[in-house]
Amino acid sequence: MDFYDFKNAFLIGFFMAFMIGPVFFMLIQTSILKGARAAIAFDLGVILGDVTFILIAYYGSRSLLEKIKDDPRLFFIGGLVLIIYGLITYFDRQNKKEALESAEIIDVPIKSNYVKLFLKGYFLNFINVGVLAFWLGTVLVIGPTLKMNENAIFWYFATIILGYSVTDLGKILLAKQLKNKMTHLVIYRLKRIMGIILIVCGVFLMLKGFIPNEKIDSLIH
């Protein structure tokens, strides 16, 4: 995996960490109420949930990927998934109060129990089918792009998880500042920005299926 792929993968992880939802608020809430260690335990559970989804998406679609890895329609499908996910994110008007109420369904014990927090992070993330859809779309696009090289695919997704983890660690350490800044207007704008980014990425991937790689590379570089 070259530096360009590493940078792209890290940025995907970075932006994923700012996807607004129950996990986002639960992480901040746990950090404020129980401290950084408790929040890290919760976040490790969330990350394991993502790893589980990646494995399901990859091995569940591997035979399909092998058959159509050179088919431009693959990029169209992957791009369409990202566009739909982006539109859902863009038009989702769930406010901060509703998101916090969703997060509060998972009870935080008075005394920090790291194992319970880990499991709560895992299951809160795992029950979100939208996360699986996102990873499936990503796997469908990245796999053929990396020529189905298992080593390259492993390091690409490991880098995404690294970017996600590093950004989450920063959120944990800056939880109080983030909490104060998470007004309804800020959340609304963040969702719209993330939605636009996903839509643009989806359009780009759809075009990639019909534009020669040489032309795309010349435009990027």
Protein backbone atom coordinates (compact mmCIF):
# COMPACT_ATOMS: atom_id res chain seq x y z
CA MET A 1 0.00 0.00 0.00
CA ASP A 2 1.55 3.31 -1.09
CA PHE A 3 1.39 6.66 0.71
CA TYR A 4 -1.60 7.82 -1.35
CA ASP A 5 -3.66 4.79 -0.25
CA PHE A 6 -2.48 5.24 3.35
CA LYS A 7 -3.57 8.89 3.32
CA ASN A 8 -6.98 8.04 1.86
CA ALA A 9 -7.56 5.24 4.36
CA PHE A 10 -6.54 7.42 7.31
CA LEU A 11 -8.86 10.22 6.16
CA ILE A 12 -11.77 7.77 5.87
CA GLY A 13 -11.15 6.76 9.48
CA PHE A 14 -10.90 10.40 10.54
CA PHE A 15 -14.22 11.37 8.98
CA MET A 16 -15.93 8.23 10.26
CA ALA A 17 -15.10 9.27 13.82
CA PHE A 18 -17.33 12.32 13.34
CA MET A 19 -20.39 10.46 12.11
CA ILE A 20 -23.10 11.81 14.42
CA GLY A 21 -25.16 9.20 16.23
CA PRO A 22 -25.70 7.43 19.57
CA VAL A 23 -22.13 6.05 19.61
CA PHE A 24 -20.70 9.55 19.14
CA PHE A 25 -22.60 11.00 22.08
CA MET A 26 -22.19 7.92 24.26
CA LEU A 27 -18.43 8.15 23.85
CA ILE A 28 -18.36 11.81 24.91
CA GLN A 29 -20.83 11.18 27.72
CA THR A 30 -18.80 8.25 29.07
CA SER A 31 -15.60 10.30 28.97
CA ILE A 32 -17.19 13.15 30.92
CA LEU A 33 -18.97 10.99 33.52
CA LYS A 34 -16.53 8.11 33.97
CA GLY A 35 -13.21 9.39 32.68
CA ALA A 36 -10.89 8.65 29.78
CA ARG A 37 -10.17 5.01 30.68
CA ALA A 38 -13.86 4.11 30.73
CA ALA A 39 -14.38 5.89 27.41
CA ILE A 40 -11.43 4.02 25.88
CA ALA A 41 -12.91 0.70 27.06
CA PHE A 42 -16.22 1.66 25.44
CA ASP A 43 -14.46 2.77 22.25
CA LEU A 44 -12.53 -0.50 21.98
CA GLY A 45 -15.89 -2.28 21.93
CA VAL A 46 -17.09 0.03 19.16
CA ILE A 47 -13.92 -0.66 17.16
CA LEU A 48 -14.35 -4.42 17.58
CA GLY A 49 -17.89 -4.00 16.22
CA ASP A 50 -16.45 -2.28 13.14
CA VAL A 51 -13.86 -5.04 12.70
CA THR A 52 -16.65 -7.62 12.90
CA PHE A 53 -18.61 -5.80 10.20
CA ILE A 54 -15.51 -5.53 7.99
CA LEU A 55 -14.94 -9.28 8.24
CA ILE A 56 -18.59 -10.01 7.49
CA ALA A 57 -18.59 -7.62 4.52
CA TYR A 58 -15.29 -8.93 3.13
CA TYR A 59 -15.78 -12.68 3.48
CA GLY A 60 -19.48 -12.47 2.74
CA SER A 61 -18.84 -10.77 -0.59
CA ARG A 62 -15.44 -12.26 -1.51
CA SER A 63 -16.79 -14.70 -4.09
CA LEU A 64 -18.76 -11.87 -5.67
CA LEU A 65 -15.70 -9.62 -5.65
CA GLU A 66 -13.58 -12.27 -7.36
CA LYS A 67 -16.13 -12.63 -10.15
CA ILE A 68 -16.72 -8.96 -10.87
CA LYS A 69 -13.48 -7.30 -9.71
CA ASP A 70 -12.87 -5.95 -13.23
CA ASP A 71 -16.51 -5.07 -13.86
CA PRO A 72 -17.13 -1.29 -13.89
CA ARG A 73 -20.59 -1.94 -12.49
CA LEU A 74 -18.92 -2.77 -9.18
CA PHE A 75 -17.86 0.84 -8.74
CA PHE A 76 -21.35 1.94 -9.71
CA ILE A 77 -22.88 -0.25 -6.98
CA GLY A 78 -20.33 0.80 -4.36
CA GLY A 79 -20.76 4.46 -5.27
CA LEU A 80 -24.53 4.14 -5.13
CA VAL A 81 -24.34 2.68 -1.61
CA LEU A 82 -22.20 5.62 -0.46
CA ILE A 83 -24.52 8.15 -2.14
CA ILE A 84 -27.58 6.65 -0.45
CA TYR A 85 -25.77 6.62 2.89
CA GLY A 86 -24.73 10.23 2.30
CA LEU A 87 -28.29 11.30 1.47
CA ILE A 88 -29.58 9.63 4.63
CA THR A 89 -26.91 11.43 6.66
CA TYR A 90 -27.58 14.76 4.94
CA PHE A 91 -31.35 14.72 5.48
CA ASP A 92 -31.28 13.22 8.98
CA ARG A 93 -32.56 15.97 11.26
CA GLN A 94 -32.21 14.09 14.52
CA ASN A 95 -31.20 16.68 17.07
CA LYS A 96 -28.71 16.44 19.90
CA LYS A 97 -31.34 15.75 22.55
CA GLU A 98 -32.79 12.80 20.61
CA ALA A 99 -29.33 11.37 19.99
CA LEU A 100 -28.42 11.64 23.66
CA GLU A 101 -31.68 9.96 24.62
CA SER A 102 -30.83 7.12 22.26
CA ALA A 103 -27.41 6.85 23.82
CA GLU A 104 -28.83 6.89 27.32
CA ILE A 105 -30.74 3.68 26.63
CA ILE A 106 -27.41 2.01 27.36
CA ASP A 107 -27.00 2.58 31.08
CA VAL A 108 -23.63 3.69 32.45
CA PRO A 109 -22.95 2.16 35.87
CA ILE A 110 -21.97 4.37 38.79
CA LYS A 111 -18.73 2.43 39.20
CA SER A 112 -16.77 1.96 36.02
CA ASN A 113 -16.89 -1.63 34.81
CA TYR A 114 -14.59 -1.73 31.81
CA VAL A 115 -15.77 -5.12 30.57
CA LYS A 116 -19.42 -4.00 30.58
CA LEU A 117 -18.53 -0.74 28.87
CA PHE A 118 -16.55 -2.68 26.26
CA LEU A 119 -19.54 -4.95 25.57
CA LYS A 120 -21.92 -1.98 25.45
CA GLY A 121 -19.73 -0.25 22.91
CA TYR A 122 -19.61 -3.41 20.81
CA PHE A 123 -23.35 -4.08 20.80
CA LEU A 124 -24.38 -0.45 20.41
CA ASN A 125 -22.29 -0.33 17.23
CA PHE A 126 -23.14 -3.85 16.07
CA ILE A 127 -26.91 -3.32 16.09
CA ASN A 128 -26.52 -0.41 13.65
CA VAL A 129 -27.22 -1.99 10.25
CA GLY A 130 -26.21 1.26 8.56
CA VAL A 131 -22.62 0.65 9.68
CA LEU A 132 -22.64 -2.74 7.94
CA ALA A 133 -24.00 -1.11 4.78
CA PHE A 134 -21.19 1.46 4.90
CA TRP A 135 -18.48 -1.20 5.30
CA LEU A 136 -20.03 -3.34 2.58
CA GLY A 137 -19.95 -0.42 0.15
CA THR A 138 -16.34 0.33 1.12
CA VAL A 139 -15.24 -3.30 0.71
CA LEU A 140 -16.97 -3.55 -2.69
CA VAL A 141 -14.97 -0.56 -3.90
CA ILE A 142 -11.61 -1.02 -2.18
CA GLY A 143 -11.20 -4.76 -2.83
CA PRO A 144 -11.00 -4.56 -6.64
CA THR A 145 -9.05 -1.29 -6.48
CA LEU A 146 -6.32 -3.14 -4.56
CA LYS A 147 -6.59 -6.09 -7.00
CA MET A 148 -7.97 -8.33 -4.26
CA ASN A 149 -4.54 -8.44 -2.61
CA GLU A 150 -5.33 -9.67 0.90
CA ASN A 151 -2.24 -8.08 2.42
CA ALA A 152 -2.98 -4.68 0.85
CA ILE A 153 -6.67 -4.90 1.85
CA PHE A 154 -5.71 -5.81 5.42
CA TRP A 155 -3.40 -2.81 5.79
CA TYR A 156 -5.89 -0.47 4.11
CA PHE A 157 -8.64 -1.29 6.57
CA ALA A 158 -6.17 -1.42 9.47
CA THR A 159 -5.23 2.16 8.55
CA ILE A 160 -8.90 3.18 8.50
CA ILE A 161 -9.31 1.74 12.00
CA LEU A 162 -6.09 3.51 13.07
CA GLY A 163 -7.41 6.87 11.81
CA TYR A 164 -10.73 6.22 13.52
CA SER A 165 -9.05 5.22 16.81
CA VAL A 166 -6.64 8.17 16.91
CA THR A 167 -9.47 10.62 16.23
CA ASP A 168 -11.66 9.00 18.88
CA LEU A 169 -8.82 9.27 21.38
CA GLY A 170 -8.65 12.99 20.64
CA LYS A 171 -12.42 13.25 21.16
CA ILE A 172 -12.11 11.47 24.49
CA LEU A 173 -9.38 13.79 25.71
CA LEU A 174 -11.28 16.87 24.56
CA ALA A 175 -14.72 15.61 25.60
CA LYS A 176 -15.70 18.57 27.77
CA GLN A 177 -14.79 21.07 25.06
CA LEU A 178 -16.67 19.02 22.46
CA LYS A 179 -19.68 18.71 24.76
CA ASN A 180 -19.91 22.47 25.15
CA LYS A 181 -19.65 23.00 21.39
CA MET A 182 -22.19 20.35 20.36
CA THR A 183 -25.09 22.73 19.82
CA HIS A 184 -28.01 21.77 17.62
CA LEU A 185 -26.73 24.04 14.84
CA VAL A 186 -23.22 22.53 14.94
CA ILE A 187 -24.59 18.98 14.79
CA TYR A 188 -26.90 19.91 11.93
CA ARG A 189 -24.00 21.39 9.96
CA LEU A 190 -21.69 18.45 10.71
CA LYS A 191 -24.27 16.01 9.43
CA ARG A 192 -24.72 17.97 6.24
CA ILE A 193 -20.97 18.23 5.66
CA MET A 194 -20.53 14.48 6.21
CA GLY A 195 -23.47 13.76 3.92
CA ILE A 196 -21.98 15.91 1.15
CA ILE A 197 -18.57 14.24 1.54
CA LEU A 198 -20.13 10.77 1.23
CA ILE A 199 -22.19 11.82 -1.80
CA VAL A 200 -19.13 13.29 -3.54
CA CYS A 201 -17.12 10.14 -2.82
CA GLY A 202 -19.98 8.04 -4.17
CA VAL A 203 -20.20 10.06 -7.39
CA PHE A 204 -16.43 9.83 -7.82
CA LEU A 205 -16.52 6.05 -7.41
CA MET A 206 -19.38 5.70 -9.88
CA LEU A 207 -17.41 7.72 -12.43
CA LYS A 208 -14.32 5.63 -11.79
CA GLY A 209 -16.09 2.65 -13.28
CA PHE A 210 -16.44 4.43 -16.61
CA ILE A 211 -13.30 6.57 -16.73
CA PRO A 212 -9.90 4.95 -17.36
CA ASN A 213 -7.67 4.80 -14.26
CA GLU A 214 -4.93 6.71 -16.09
CA LYS A 215 -7.17 9.76 -16.51
CA ILE A 216 -8.31 9.63 -12.87
CA ASP A 217 -4.72 9.37 -11.63
CA SER A 218 -3.69 12.35 -13.79
CA LEU A 219 -6.53 14.43 -12.34
CA ILE A 220 -5.65 13.45 -8.74
CA HIS A 221 -1.91 13.96 -9.06
